[in-house]
Amino acid sequence: MPDLLHAVVGIVGLVGLAWLLSENRRAVPWRAIAAGLALQILLGIIFLRFSPAKSAFLKINDALLVLERATQAVIDFQERSFRRGKPEKDNPQ
């Protein structure tokens, strides 16, 4: 329950901050805000509770982790080459 309370306070805080910083507070579309929040909650429930959607997101996460590791390997390679002072073969200098 504390996580739910924390989330609700965060959402209310963000909406309140946006309202406070708005130029025309009377023109705030409260129905659109409520509809957007309801849609976000509905999609969250679907994606986190519905097993096929959860599985799909986990597979996407695994693919992105592979991409992250590959990117880090390229960065490490470039840093080693830079430290040695040798340009890459594909980079004529």
Foldseek 3Di string as FASTA:
>chain_A
DVVVVVVVVVVVVVVVVCLVPDPDNVPDPVVVVVVVVVVVVVVVCCCPPPVVNVVVVVVVVVVVVVVVVVVVVVVVVVVVCVVVVHDDPVDDD
